N, C-alpha and C. Protein backbone atom coordinates (compact mmCIF):
# COMPACT_ATOMS: atom_id res chain seq x y z
N MET A 1 15.16 129.69 -88.49
CA MET A 1 14.97 128.48 -89.30
C MET A 1 15.81 127.34 -88.76
N GLU A 2 17.03 127.69 -88.40
CA GLU A 2 17.96 126.70 -87.86
C GLU A 2 17.46 126.19 -86.51
N GLN A 3 16.85 127.06 -85.70
CA GLN A 3 16.32 126.68 -84.40
C GLN A 3 15.15 125.73 -84.55
N GLU A 4 14.32 125.98 -85.60
CA GLU A 4 13.19 125.12 -85.85
C GLU A 4 13.64 123.72 -86.23
N ASN A 5 14.80 123.60 -86.95
CA ASN A 5 15.32 122.29 -87.35
C ASN A 5 15.90 121.52 -86.16
N GLN A 6 16.41 122.30 -85.18
CA GLN A 6 17.02 121.64 -84.02
C GLN A 6 15.99 121.02 -83.08
N GLU A 7 14.82 121.67 -82.99
CA GLU A 7 13.80 121.19 -82.08
C GLU A 7 13.30 119.80 -82.44
N PRO A 8 12.99 119.51 -83.71
CA PRO A 8 12.60 118.13 -84.05
C PRO A 8 13.70 117.14 -83.77
N SER A 9 14.98 117.56 -83.97
CA SER A 9 16.11 116.66 -83.72
C SER A 9 16.20 116.29 -82.25
N ILE A 10 15.99 117.30 -81.39
CA ILE A 10 16.03 117.06 -79.94
C ILE A 10 14.89 116.14 -79.55
N GLN A 11 13.74 116.37 -80.16
CA GLN A 11 12.58 115.55 -79.83
C GLN A 11 12.80 114.09 -80.23
N ILE A 12 13.44 113.89 -81.40
CA ILE A 12 13.73 112.52 -81.87
C ILE A 12 14.70 111.83 -80.91
N GLU A 13 15.71 112.55 -80.44
CA GLU A 13 16.67 111.98 -79.50
C GLU A 13 16.00 111.59 -78.19
N GLU A 14 15.10 112.47 -77.73
CA GLU A 14 14.37 112.16 -76.50
C GLU A 14 13.50 110.92 -76.67
N ASN A 15 12.86 110.84 -77.84
CA ASN A 15 12.02 109.67 -78.11
C ASN A 15 12.86 108.39 -78.16
N ASN A 16 14.04 108.50 -78.81
CA ASN A 16 14.92 107.35 -78.89
C ASN A 16 15.39 106.91 -77.52
N THR A 17 15.70 107.92 -76.68
CA THR A 17 16.14 107.62 -75.31
C THR A 17 15.05 106.90 -74.53
N GLN A 18 13.81 107.43 -74.70
CA GLN A 18 12.67 106.83 -74.01
C GLN A 18 12.44 105.40 -74.46
N VAL A 19 12.59 105.17 -75.77
CA VAL A 19 12.43 103.82 -76.32
C VAL A 19 13.47 102.89 -75.76
N ASN A 20 14.73 103.39 -75.71
CA ASN A 20 15.83 102.57 -75.16
C ASN A 20 15.58 102.20 -73.71
N ILE A 21 15.08 103.18 -72.93
CA ILE A 21 14.79 102.93 -71.52
C ILE A 21 13.71 101.88 -71.38
N GLU A 22 12.68 102.00 -72.21
CA GLU A 22 11.58 101.03 -72.16
C GLU A 22 12.05 99.63 -72.57
N GLU A 23 12.92 99.59 -73.59
CA GLU A 23 13.44 98.30 -74.04
C GLU A 23 14.31 97.64 -72.95
N ASP A 24 15.16 98.50 -72.32
CA ASP A 24 15.99 97.99 -71.23
C ASP A 24 15.13 97.48 -70.07
N SER A 25 14.05 98.23 -69.78
CA SER A 25 13.16 97.84 -68.69
C SER A 25 12.46 96.52 -69.02
N SER A 26 12.01 96.38 -70.25
CA SER A 26 11.34 95.14 -70.67
C SER A 26 12.30 93.97 -70.61
N LYS A 27 13.54 94.22 -71.06
CA LYS A 27 14.57 93.18 -71.03
C LYS A 27 14.85 92.74 -69.60
N PHE A 28 14.96 93.73 -68.71
CA PHE A 28 15.22 93.43 -67.30
C PHE A 28 14.08 92.63 -66.70
N GLU A 29 12.87 93.05 -66.98
CA GLU A 29 11.70 92.36 -66.42
C GLU A 29 11.62 90.91 -66.91
N MET A 30 12.01 90.68 -68.19
CA MET A 30 11.99 89.33 -68.71
C MET A 30 13.03 88.47 -68.01
N ILE A 31 14.25 89.01 -67.88
CA ILE A 31 15.33 88.27 -67.22
C ILE A 31 14.98 88.00 -65.75
N ALA A 32 14.49 89.05 -65.07
CA ALA A 32 14.13 88.90 -63.66
C ALA A 32 13.00 87.90 -63.49
N GLY A 33 12.04 87.92 -64.41
CA GLY A 33 10.93 86.99 -64.33
C GLY A 33 11.38 85.54 -64.48
N ILE A 34 12.31 85.30 -65.41
CA ILE A 34 12.84 83.95 -65.61
C ILE A 34 13.59 83.48 -64.38
N ILE A 35 14.42 84.38 -63.83
CA ILE A 35 15.20 84.03 -62.64
C ILE A 35 14.29 83.73 -61.45
N ILE A 36 13.29 84.58 -61.23
CA ILE A 36 12.37 84.37 -60.12
C ILE A 36 11.58 83.07 -60.30
N ALA A 37 11.17 82.81 -61.54
CA ALA A 37 10.43 81.57 -61.80
C ALA A 37 11.30 80.35 -61.54
N PHE A 38 12.58 80.45 -61.93
CA PHE A 38 13.51 79.33 -61.72
C PHE A 38 13.68 79.04 -60.24
N PHE A 39 13.94 80.07 -59.44
CA PHE A 39 14.16 79.85 -58.01
C PHE A 39 12.85 79.50 -57.28
N THR A 40 11.73 79.92 -57.83
CA THR A 40 10.44 79.49 -57.27
C THR A 40 10.26 77.99 -57.43
N ALA A 41 10.66 77.49 -58.59
CA ALA A 41 10.59 76.03 -58.83
C ALA A 41 11.53 75.30 -57.89
N ILE A 42 12.73 75.83 -57.68
CA ILE A 42 13.69 75.22 -56.77
C ILE A 42 13.12 75.19 -55.35
N LEU A 43 12.46 76.31 -54.96
CA LEU A 43 11.86 76.38 -53.63
C LEU A 43 10.76 75.33 -53.46
N ALA A 44 9.99 75.11 -54.53
CA ALA A 44 8.92 74.10 -54.48
C ALA A 44 9.52 72.70 -54.26
N ILE A 45 10.61 72.43 -54.95
CA ILE A 45 11.28 71.12 -54.81
C ILE A 45 11.81 70.96 -53.39
N ALA A 46 12.46 72.01 -52.88
CA ALA A 46 13.01 71.98 -51.52
C ALA A 46 11.90 71.79 -50.49
N GLY A 47 10.78 72.48 -50.70
CA GLY A 47 9.66 72.34 -49.77
C GLY A 47 9.07 70.96 -49.79
N LEU A 48 8.94 70.38 -51.00
CA LEU A 48 8.40 69.02 -51.12
C LEU A 48 9.31 68.00 -50.46
N ALA A 49 10.62 68.12 -50.73
CA ALA A 49 11.58 67.18 -50.12
C ALA A 49 11.65 67.36 -48.61
N GLY A 50 11.63 68.62 -48.16
CA GLY A 50 11.68 68.86 -46.72
C GLY A 50 10.46 68.29 -46.00
N GLY A 51 9.27 68.43 -46.62
CA GLY A 51 8.06 67.88 -46.02
C GLY A 51 8.13 66.35 -45.96
N SER A 52 8.66 65.75 -47.03
CA SER A 52 8.81 64.30 -47.07
C SER A 52 9.78 63.83 -45.99
N TYR A 53 10.89 64.55 -45.82
CA TYR A 53 11.87 64.21 -44.80
C TYR A 53 11.24 64.30 -43.41
N GLY A 54 10.46 65.35 -43.20
CA GLY A 54 9.83 65.53 -41.91
C GLY A 54 8.91 64.38 -41.54
N GLN A 55 8.10 63.92 -42.51
CA GLN A 55 7.21 62.79 -42.28
C GLN A 55 8.01 61.51 -42.02
N SER A 56 9.11 61.37 -42.76
CA SER A 56 9.96 60.18 -42.58
C SER A 56 10.61 60.16 -41.22
N VAL A 57 10.98 61.34 -40.73
CA VAL A 57 11.59 61.44 -39.38
C VAL A 57 10.58 61.02 -38.31
N LEU A 58 9.34 61.50 -38.46
CA LEU A 58 8.29 61.10 -37.50
C LEU A 58 8.07 59.59 -37.52
N LEU A 59 8.01 59.03 -38.74
CA LEU A 59 7.83 57.58 -38.85
C LEU A 59 9.03 56.84 -38.26
N GLY A 60 10.24 57.33 -38.58
CA GLY A 60 11.45 56.69 -38.07
C GLY A 60 11.51 56.71 -36.55
N ASN A 61 11.16 57.84 -35.94
CA ASN A 61 11.17 57.92 -34.47
C ASN A 61 10.14 56.97 -33.86
N SER A 62 8.97 56.88 -34.52
CA SER A 62 7.94 55.97 -34.03
C SER A 62 8.41 54.52 -34.09
N GLN A 63 9.01 54.15 -35.22
CA GLN A 63 9.50 52.79 -35.39
C GLN A 63 10.67 52.49 -34.45
N LYS A 64 11.52 53.47 -34.25
CA LYS A 64 12.66 53.30 -33.32
C LYS A 64 12.15 53.06 -31.90
N ASN A 65 11.17 53.85 -31.47
CA ASN A 65 10.62 53.67 -30.13
C ASN A 65 9.94 52.32 -30.00
N SER A 66 9.25 51.89 -31.06
CA SER A 66 8.61 50.56 -31.02
C SER A 66 9.65 49.45 -30.90
N ALA A 67 10.77 49.62 -31.62
CA ALA A 67 11.83 48.62 -31.56
C ALA A 67 12.44 48.55 -30.16
N TYR A 68 12.66 49.71 -29.55
CA TYR A 68 13.21 49.71 -28.19
C TYR A 68 12.22 49.11 -27.19
N ASP A 69 10.92 49.38 -27.39
CA ASP A 69 9.91 48.77 -26.52
C ASP A 69 9.92 47.25 -26.68
N TRP A 70 10.05 46.81 -27.92
CA TRP A 70 10.10 45.37 -28.21
C TRP A 70 11.33 44.75 -27.53
N TYR A 71 12.45 45.45 -27.63
CA TYR A 71 13.69 44.99 -27.00
C TYR A 71 13.51 44.89 -25.48
N ASN A 72 12.91 45.91 -24.89
CA ASN A 72 12.70 45.91 -23.44
C ASN A 72 11.76 44.80 -23.00
N THR A 73 10.74 44.52 -23.83
CA THR A 73 9.82 43.42 -23.51
C THR A 73 10.56 42.08 -23.45
N LYS A 74 11.44 41.88 -24.45
CA LYS A 74 12.24 40.66 -24.46
C LYS A 74 13.16 40.62 -23.23
N GLY A 75 13.68 41.79 -22.86
CA GLY A 75 14.56 41.85 -21.70
C GLY A 75 13.85 41.48 -20.41
N ILE A 76 12.59 41.95 -20.27
CA ILE A 76 11.80 41.60 -19.07
C ILE A 76 11.54 40.11 -19.01
N LYS A 77 11.18 39.52 -20.17
CA LYS A 77 10.94 38.09 -20.21
C LYS A 77 12.21 37.32 -19.85
N GLN A 78 13.35 37.80 -20.33
CA GLN A 78 14.62 37.14 -20.02
C GLN A 78 14.92 37.23 -18.52
N MET A 79 14.62 38.37 -17.92
CA MET A 79 14.86 38.53 -16.48
C MET A 79 14.00 37.57 -15.67
N ILE A 80 12.77 37.37 -16.11
CA ILE A 80 11.88 36.43 -15.41
C ILE A 80 12.43 35.01 -15.48
N VAL A 81 12.89 34.63 -16.68
CA VAL A 81 13.45 33.29 -16.86
C VAL A 81 14.72 33.13 -16.03
N GLU A 82 15.55 34.16 -16.02
CA GLU A 82 16.78 34.10 -15.22
C GLU A 82 16.47 33.97 -13.74
N GLY A 83 15.38 34.64 -13.32
CA GLY A 83 14.96 34.52 -11.91
C GLY A 83 14.52 33.10 -11.59
N GLN A 84 13.79 32.49 -12.53
CA GLN A 84 13.37 31.09 -12.32
C GLN A 84 14.59 30.17 -12.24
N LYS A 85 15.56 30.43 -13.08
CA LYS A 85 16.78 29.61 -13.08
C LYS A 85 17.51 29.72 -11.74
N GLU A 86 17.61 30.95 -11.25
CA GLU A 86 18.31 31.16 -9.96
C GLU A 86 17.58 30.45 -8.82
N THR A 87 16.26 30.47 -8.90
CA THR A 87 15.46 29.80 -7.84
C THR A 87 15.71 28.30 -7.85
N ILE A 88 15.71 27.70 -9.03
CA ILE A 88 15.95 26.25 -9.13
C ILE A 88 17.37 25.91 -8.69
N GLU A 89 18.34 26.73 -9.09
CA GLU A 89 19.72 26.48 -8.68
C GLU A 89 19.85 26.56 -7.17
N SER A 90 19.15 27.48 -6.56
CA SER A 90 19.19 27.61 -5.09
C SER A 90 18.59 26.39 -4.41
N LEU A 91 17.51 25.89 -5.01
CA LEU A 91 16.88 24.69 -4.44
C LEU A 91 17.79 23.48 -4.54
N LEU A 92 18.44 23.33 -5.69
CA LEU A 92 19.35 22.21 -5.88
C LEU A 92 20.54 22.29 -4.93
N ALA A 93 21.01 23.52 -4.71
CA ALA A 93 22.16 23.71 -3.83
C ALA A 93 21.83 23.52 -2.35
N SER A 94 20.55 23.69 -2.02
CA SER A 94 20.15 23.60 -0.62
C SER A 94 20.16 22.16 -0.10
N GLY A 95 20.07 21.19 -1.02
CA GLY A 95 20.04 19.79 -0.59
C GLY A 95 18.69 19.34 -0.09
N LEU A 96 17.66 20.17 -0.23
CA LEU A 96 16.33 19.84 0.27
C LEU A 96 15.50 19.08 -0.76
N ILE A 97 16.02 19.04 -1.99
CA ILE A 97 15.25 18.39 -3.06
C ILE A 97 15.56 16.91 -3.07
N LYS A 98 14.49 16.10 -3.20
CA LYS A 98 14.65 14.65 -3.26
C LYS A 98 15.37 14.25 -4.54
N THR A 99 16.07 13.14 -4.46
CA THR A 99 16.88 12.68 -5.58
C THR A 99 16.05 12.51 -6.85
N GLU A 100 14.84 11.95 -6.72
CA GLU A 100 14.01 11.70 -7.90
C GLU A 100 13.54 13.00 -8.56
N ALA A 101 13.53 14.10 -7.80
CA ALA A 101 13.08 15.38 -8.37
C ALA A 101 14.21 16.18 -8.98
N LYS A 102 15.43 15.79 -8.63
CA LYS A 102 16.58 16.56 -9.12
C LYS A 102 16.71 16.51 -10.63
N GLU A 103 16.48 15.36 -11.23
CA GLU A 103 16.61 15.22 -12.66
C GLU A 103 15.62 16.12 -13.41
N THR A 104 14.42 16.17 -12.84
CA THR A 104 13.40 17.03 -13.46
C THR A 104 13.81 18.49 -13.40
N LEU A 105 14.35 18.90 -12.24
CA LEU A 105 14.78 20.28 -12.08
C LEU A 105 15.97 20.61 -12.99
N LYS A 106 16.87 19.62 -13.14
CA LYS A 106 18.01 19.84 -14.03
C LYS A 106 17.57 19.99 -15.49
N GLN A 107 16.56 19.24 -15.84
CA GLN A 107 16.01 19.36 -17.19
C GLN A 107 15.37 20.74 -17.38
N ASN A 108 14.72 21.19 -16.29
CA ASN A 108 14.14 22.54 -16.32
C ASN A 108 15.22 23.60 -16.51
N LEU A 109 16.37 23.39 -15.85
CA LEU A 109 17.47 24.33 -16.00
C LEU A 109 17.97 24.37 -17.45
N THR A 110 18.04 23.20 -18.06
CA THR A 110 18.48 23.13 -19.45
C THR A 110 17.52 23.90 -20.36
N ASP A 111 16.23 23.72 -20.11
CA ASP A 111 15.22 24.42 -20.91
C ASP A 111 15.30 25.94 -20.67
N LEU A 112 15.53 26.32 -19.43
CA LEU A 112 15.63 27.73 -19.11
C LEU A 112 16.87 28.36 -19.75
N ASP A 113 17.98 27.65 -19.79
CA ASP A 113 19.19 28.13 -20.45
C ASP A 113 18.93 28.37 -21.93
N LYS A 114 18.16 27.46 -22.55
CA LYS A 114 17.82 27.63 -23.96
C LYS A 114 16.96 28.89 -24.17
N SER A 115 16.03 29.09 -23.25
CA SER A 115 15.17 30.27 -23.36
C SER A 115 15.97 31.55 -23.19
N ILE A 116 16.90 31.53 -22.22
CA ILE A 116 17.75 32.70 -22.01
C ILE A 116 18.58 33.02 -23.25
N ALA A 117 19.18 31.98 -23.84
CA ALA A 117 19.96 32.15 -25.05
C ALA A 117 19.10 32.67 -26.19
N LYS A 118 17.86 32.17 -26.28
CA LYS A 118 16.94 32.59 -27.33
C LYS A 118 16.60 34.08 -27.16
N TYR A 119 16.29 34.50 -25.95
CA TYR A 119 15.95 35.91 -25.70
C TYR A 119 17.15 36.82 -25.97
N THR A 120 18.35 36.32 -25.62
CA THR A 120 19.56 37.11 -25.87
C THR A 120 19.75 37.34 -27.38
N ASN A 121 19.58 36.29 -28.15
CA ASN A 121 19.72 36.40 -29.61
C ASN A 121 18.63 37.27 -30.22
N GLU A 122 17.42 37.14 -29.71
CA GLU A 122 16.30 37.96 -30.21
C GLU A 122 16.55 39.45 -29.93
N LYS A 123 17.02 39.73 -28.71
CA LYS A 123 17.31 41.12 -28.35
C LYS A 123 18.39 41.70 -29.26
N ASN A 124 19.41 40.89 -29.54
CA ASN A 124 20.49 41.35 -30.38
C ASN A 124 19.98 41.68 -31.80
N GLU A 125 19.12 40.82 -32.33
CA GLU A 125 18.59 41.05 -33.68
C GLU A 125 17.66 42.26 -33.70
N ILE A 126 16.88 42.43 -32.64
CA ILE A 126 15.98 43.59 -32.56
C ILE A 126 16.79 44.88 -32.46
N MET A 127 17.93 44.83 -31.81
CA MET A 127 18.75 46.02 -31.61
C MET A 127 19.49 46.42 -32.90
N VAL A 128 20.16 45.45 -33.54
CA VAL A 128 21.03 45.80 -34.68
C VAL A 128 20.37 45.54 -36.04
N GLY A 129 19.33 44.70 -36.08
CA GLY A 129 18.67 44.39 -37.33
C GLY A 129 19.21 43.13 -37.99
N SER A 130 18.37 42.52 -38.80
CA SER A 130 18.74 41.25 -39.43
C SER A 130 19.90 41.40 -40.40
N VAL A 131 19.97 42.55 -41.12
CA VAL A 131 20.99 42.73 -42.15
C VAL A 131 22.39 42.76 -41.56
N ALA A 132 22.50 43.06 -40.27
CA ALA A 132 23.81 43.13 -39.62
C ALA A 132 24.29 41.77 -39.12
N LEU A 133 23.43 40.75 -39.25
CA LEU A 133 23.75 39.43 -38.72
C LEU A 133 23.84 38.38 -39.84
N ASP A 134 24.54 37.33 -39.54
CA ASP A 134 24.57 36.19 -40.46
C ASP A 134 23.22 35.47 -40.40
N LYS A 135 22.87 34.80 -41.49
CA LYS A 135 21.58 34.09 -41.56
C LYS A 135 21.41 33.10 -40.43
N SER A 136 22.53 32.53 -39.99
CA SER A 136 22.45 31.55 -38.89
C SER A 136 22.03 32.19 -37.57
N GLN A 137 22.11 33.53 -37.49
CA GLN A 137 21.76 34.24 -36.27
C GLN A 137 20.36 34.84 -36.31
N TRP A 138 19.64 34.59 -37.40
CA TRP A 138 18.26 35.07 -37.48
C TRP A 138 17.37 34.17 -36.63
N VAL A 139 16.78 34.75 -35.60
CA VAL A 139 15.93 33.96 -34.70
C VAL A 139 14.56 34.61 -34.51
N GLN A 140 14.47 35.88 -34.79
CA GLN A 140 13.21 36.60 -34.59
C GLN A 140 12.47 36.76 -35.91
N ASP A 141 11.25 36.26 -35.95
CA ASP A 141 10.48 36.37 -37.19
C ASP A 141 9.58 37.60 -37.20
N VAL A 142 9.25 38.07 -38.39
CA VAL A 142 8.28 39.15 -38.58
C VAL A 142 7.26 38.65 -39.58
N ASP A 143 6.01 38.54 -39.13
CA ASP A 143 4.93 37.98 -39.96
C ASP A 143 5.30 36.59 -40.48
N GLY A 144 5.96 35.83 -39.62
CA GLY A 144 6.31 34.46 -39.96
C GLY A 144 7.56 34.29 -40.80
N GLU A 145 8.27 35.39 -41.10
CA GLU A 145 9.47 35.32 -41.92
C GLU A 145 10.69 35.76 -41.12
N LEU A 146 11.78 35.03 -41.30
CA LEU A 146 13.04 35.41 -40.65
C LEU A 146 13.80 36.40 -41.54
N GLY A 147 14.69 37.15 -40.91
CA GLY A 147 15.54 38.08 -41.67
C GLY A 147 14.84 39.37 -42.05
N LYS A 148 13.70 39.68 -41.45
CA LYS A 148 12.94 40.87 -41.80
C LYS A 148 12.96 41.95 -40.71
N VAL A 149 13.75 41.72 -39.69
CA VAL A 149 13.77 42.67 -38.56
C VAL A 149 14.64 43.88 -38.90
N LYS A 150 14.04 45.07 -38.82
CA LYS A 150 14.81 46.32 -38.96
C LYS A 150 15.10 46.82 -37.55
N GLY A 151 16.37 46.83 -37.19
CA GLY A 151 16.75 47.09 -35.81
C GLY A 151 16.59 48.52 -35.33
N ALA A 152 16.55 48.67 -34.02
CA ALA A 152 16.42 50.00 -33.42
C ALA A 152 17.58 50.90 -33.82
N LYS A 153 18.79 50.33 -33.89
CA LYS A 153 19.96 51.11 -34.30
C LYS A 153 19.83 51.57 -35.76
N GLU A 154 19.24 50.72 -36.59
CA GLU A 154 19.03 51.09 -37.99
C GLU A 154 18.08 52.28 -38.10
N TRP A 155 16.96 52.19 -37.37
CA TRP A 155 16.01 53.29 -37.37
C TRP A 155 16.64 54.57 -36.82
N GLU A 156 17.45 54.42 -35.79
CA GLU A 156 18.11 55.58 -35.18
C GLU A 156 19.06 56.25 -36.18
N ALA A 157 19.87 55.44 -36.88
CA ALA A 157 20.81 55.98 -37.86
C ALA A 157 20.07 56.63 -39.02
N GLU A 158 19.00 56.01 -39.46
CA GLU A 158 18.21 56.55 -40.57
C GLU A 158 17.58 57.89 -40.19
N THR A 159 17.09 57.96 -38.96
CA THR A 159 16.46 59.19 -38.48
C THR A 159 17.47 60.33 -38.37
N GLU A 160 18.67 60.03 -37.93
CA GLU A 160 19.72 61.05 -37.82
C GLU A 160 20.07 61.60 -39.21
N ILE A 161 20.16 60.72 -40.21
CA ILE A 161 20.45 61.16 -41.57
C ILE A 161 19.33 62.05 -42.10
N LEU A 162 18.08 61.64 -41.86
CA LEU A 162 16.94 62.43 -42.31
C LEU A 162 16.89 63.77 -41.61
N ASP A 163 17.28 63.80 -40.33
CA ASP A 163 17.34 65.07 -39.60
C ASP A 163 18.33 66.04 -40.24
N LYS A 164 19.50 65.51 -40.62
CA LYS A 164 20.53 66.34 -41.26
C LYS A 164 20.03 66.85 -42.60
N ALA A 165 19.42 65.95 -43.38
CA ALA A 165 18.90 66.34 -44.69
C ALA A 165 17.80 67.38 -44.54
N GLY A 166 16.92 67.19 -43.54
CA GLY A 166 15.84 68.14 -43.31
C GLY A 166 16.37 69.51 -42.91
N ALA A 167 17.44 69.54 -42.11
CA ALA A 167 18.03 70.81 -41.71
C ALA A 167 18.58 71.57 -42.93
N LYS A 168 19.21 70.84 -43.85
CA LYS A 168 19.72 71.47 -45.08
C LYS A 168 18.56 72.02 -45.92
N MET A 169 17.45 71.27 -45.98
CA MET A 169 16.30 71.73 -46.73
C MET A 169 15.68 72.98 -46.09
N ASP A 170 15.69 73.05 -44.78
CA ASP A 170 15.18 74.24 -44.10
C ASP A 170 16.01 75.46 -44.45
N LEU A 171 17.34 75.30 -44.44
CA LEU A 171 18.22 76.40 -44.82
C LEU A 171 18.00 76.77 -46.28
N SER A 172 17.82 75.76 -47.13
CA SER A 172 17.57 76.01 -48.55
C SER A 172 16.31 76.85 -48.73
N SER A 173 15.23 76.46 -48.04
CA SER A 173 13.96 77.19 -48.17
C SER A 173 14.10 78.64 -47.67
N LEU A 174 14.86 78.81 -46.60
CA LEU A 174 15.08 80.15 -46.06
C LEU A 174 15.79 81.05 -47.08
N PHE A 175 16.90 80.57 -47.63
CA PHE A 175 17.66 81.38 -48.59
C PHE A 175 16.84 81.63 -49.86
N LEU A 176 16.09 80.63 -50.30
CA LEU A 176 15.30 80.79 -51.53
C LEU A 176 14.15 81.79 -51.33
N GLN A 177 13.56 81.78 -50.15
CA GLN A 177 12.51 82.76 -49.86
C GLN A 177 13.06 84.18 -49.84
N ILE A 178 14.24 84.34 -49.23
CA ILE A 178 14.89 85.65 -49.22
C ILE A 178 15.22 86.06 -50.65
N CYS A 179 15.68 85.12 -51.46
CA CYS A 179 16.00 85.37 -52.86
C CYS A 179 14.79 85.91 -53.60
N LEU A 180 13.64 85.31 -53.39
CA LEU A 180 12.43 85.74 -54.10
C LEU A 180 11.98 87.14 -53.64
N VAL A 181 12.13 87.41 -52.37
CA VAL A 181 11.78 88.74 -51.86
C VAL A 181 12.66 89.81 -52.49
N ILE A 182 13.97 89.56 -52.51
CA ILE A 182 14.91 90.53 -53.09
C ILE A 182 14.66 90.65 -54.60
N GLY A 183 14.35 89.52 -55.24
CA GLY A 183 14.04 89.57 -56.67
C GLY A 183 12.82 90.41 -56.94
N ALA A 184 11.79 90.31 -56.09
CA ALA A 184 10.59 91.13 -56.24
C ALA A 184 10.90 92.61 -56.02
N ILE A 185 11.79 92.89 -55.08
CA ILE A 185 12.16 94.28 -54.83
C ILE A 185 12.86 94.86 -56.04
N SER A 186 13.68 94.06 -56.73
CA SER A 186 14.40 94.56 -57.91
C SER A 186 13.43 95.02 -59.00
N LEU A 187 12.24 94.42 -59.05
CA LEU A 187 11.28 94.77 -60.09
C LEU A 187 10.63 96.13 -59.85
N ILE A 188 10.63 96.58 -58.60
CA ILE A 188 9.98 97.86 -58.30
C ILE A 188 10.99 99.01 -58.15
N MET A 189 12.27 98.68 -58.25
CA MET A 189 13.29 99.73 -58.20
C MET A 189 13.24 100.54 -59.49
N ARG A 190 13.58 101.82 -59.41
CA ARG A 190 13.53 102.69 -60.60
C ARG A 190 14.87 102.82 -61.29
N LYS A 191 15.92 102.95 -60.53
CA LYS A 191 17.23 103.14 -61.14
C LYS A 191 17.75 101.81 -61.69
N PRO A 192 18.20 101.80 -62.94
CA PRO A 192 18.71 100.55 -63.54
C PRO A 192 19.81 99.90 -62.73
N LYS A 193 20.73 100.72 -62.20
CA LYS A 193 21.82 100.17 -61.41
C LYS A 193 21.30 99.44 -60.17
N SER A 194 20.31 100.05 -59.52
CA SER A 194 19.73 99.42 -58.33
C SER A 194 19.00 98.14 -58.71
N LYS A 195 18.30 98.17 -59.85
CA LYS A 195 17.59 96.98 -60.30
C LYS A 195 18.55 95.81 -60.45
N TRP A 196 19.64 96.03 -61.19
CA TRP A 196 20.58 94.94 -61.47
C TRP A 196 21.33 94.51 -60.20
N THR A 197 21.58 95.47 -59.33
CA THR A 197 22.26 95.15 -58.07
C THR A 197 21.42 94.20 -57.23
N PHE A 198 20.13 94.53 -57.08
CA PHE A 198 19.24 93.67 -56.28
C PHE A 198 19.01 92.32 -56.95
N LEU A 199 18.93 92.33 -58.29
CA LEU A 199 18.73 91.07 -58.99
C LEU A 199 19.97 90.17 -58.84
N GLY A 200 21.15 90.79 -58.94
CA GLY A 200 22.39 90.03 -58.75
C GLY A 200 22.47 89.43 -57.35
N LEU A 201 22.05 90.24 -56.37
CA LEU A 201 22.05 89.74 -54.98
C LEU A 201 21.06 88.58 -54.83
N ALA A 202 19.92 88.70 -55.48
CA ALA A 202 18.91 87.63 -55.44
C ALA A 202 19.47 86.35 -56.03
N VAL A 203 20.20 86.47 -57.13
CA VAL A 203 20.77 85.29 -57.78
C VAL A 203 21.78 84.61 -56.86
N ILE A 204 22.65 85.40 -56.22
CA ILE A 204 23.65 84.84 -55.32
C ILE A 204 23.00 84.09 -54.16
N ILE A 205 22.01 84.72 -53.53
CA ILE A 205 21.32 84.09 -52.40
C ILE A 205 20.56 82.86 -52.88
N GLY A 206 19.95 82.95 -54.07
CA GLY A 206 19.24 81.80 -54.62
C GLY A 206 20.15 80.63 -54.90
N LEU A 207 21.35 80.92 -55.38
CA LEU A 207 22.32 79.84 -55.64
C LEU A 207 22.75 79.17 -54.34
N VAL A 208 22.89 79.98 -53.29
CA VAL A 208 23.23 79.40 -51.98
C VAL A 208 22.13 78.45 -51.53
N GLY A 209 20.86 78.88 -51.70
CA GLY A 209 19.74 78.03 -51.35
C GLY A 209 19.70 76.76 -52.17
N THR A 210 20.04 76.90 -53.45
CA THR A 210 20.06 75.74 -54.36
C THR A 210 21.14 74.74 -53.93
N ILE A 211 22.28 75.26 -53.54
CA ILE A 211 23.38 74.39 -53.09
C ILE A 211 22.96 73.62 -51.84
N TYR A 212 22.32 74.29 -50.90
CA TYR A 212 21.83 73.61 -49.71
C TYR A 212 20.81 72.52 -50.06
N MET A 213 19.96 72.80 -51.06
CA MET A 213 18.98 71.81 -51.48
C MET A 213 19.68 70.57 -52.05
N ILE A 214 20.69 70.81 -52.89
CA ILE A 214 21.43 69.69 -53.49
C ILE A 214 22.13 68.86 -52.41
N ILE A 215 22.71 69.54 -51.42
CA ILE A 215 23.37 68.83 -50.32
C ILE A 215 22.34 67.99 -49.57
N GLY A 216 21.16 68.57 -49.32
CA GLY A 216 20.10 67.85 -48.62
C GLY A 216 19.65 66.61 -49.37
N LEU A 217 19.63 66.70 -50.70
CA LEU A 217 19.23 65.54 -51.50
C LEU A 217 20.31 64.47 -51.52
N THR A 218 21.56 64.91 -51.62
CA THR A 218 22.65 63.93 -51.73
C THR A 218 22.96 63.24 -50.40
N ILE A 219 22.54 63.81 -49.29
CA ILE A 219 22.77 63.18 -47.97
C ILE A 219 22.12 61.80 -47.92
N ILE A 220 20.94 61.68 -48.50
CA ILE A 220 20.25 60.39 -48.43
C ILE A 220 20.13 59.76 -49.83
N TRP A 221 20.95 60.17 -50.75
CA TRP A 221 20.90 59.60 -52.10
C TRP A 221 21.51 58.20 -52.12
N PRO A 222 20.96 57.21 -52.82
CA PRO A 222 19.67 57.28 -53.50
C PRO A 222 18.53 57.10 -52.53
N PHE A 223 17.41 57.76 -52.82
CA PHE A 223 16.25 57.66 -51.92
C PHE A 223 15.08 57.01 -52.62
């Protein structure tokens, strides 16, 4: 009789244990699901920002190259004018020019000096940008407006910053992807200790990825 009473008691304990295990498993799955969803959202943000940075870098490099080409074009024009000036100076120095023609050539020299100074100032503005110069030094117009030139150096500096930010976003995406993989592994583990160990590791790696994302955003903040 006593043995018959013990068997239902053992069965109840086993049922309670099974219920506790199921409750713990459900609790773990809920926590793991929230964590994975959170880091998935962070990964989406990092991917979006990284893609935007990548496009901006391509645009920046294109604009930088265009600015340098523009600068070189001005330099070639300046060299041609300087060559003309040297030719006139040589003619004046040779003594072969008639007196009545000398005044005309001297006037030409004055005009050429102005052109050389103009090209020098334009090259400087194209290189450093209008914002780096005083308004009195604005000589190169863009669409008919002065002070609108974004210099090659500006594009170069902006591109370098975007490159750094993009590199941080790449690291962020890498760590976050690893985080999600480890988080998924934790869901298929059987032993509770292993489950929590893998989930804890996923959280640590995910936080590292999140920190890299924040660094990548703050590099170019405000954007």
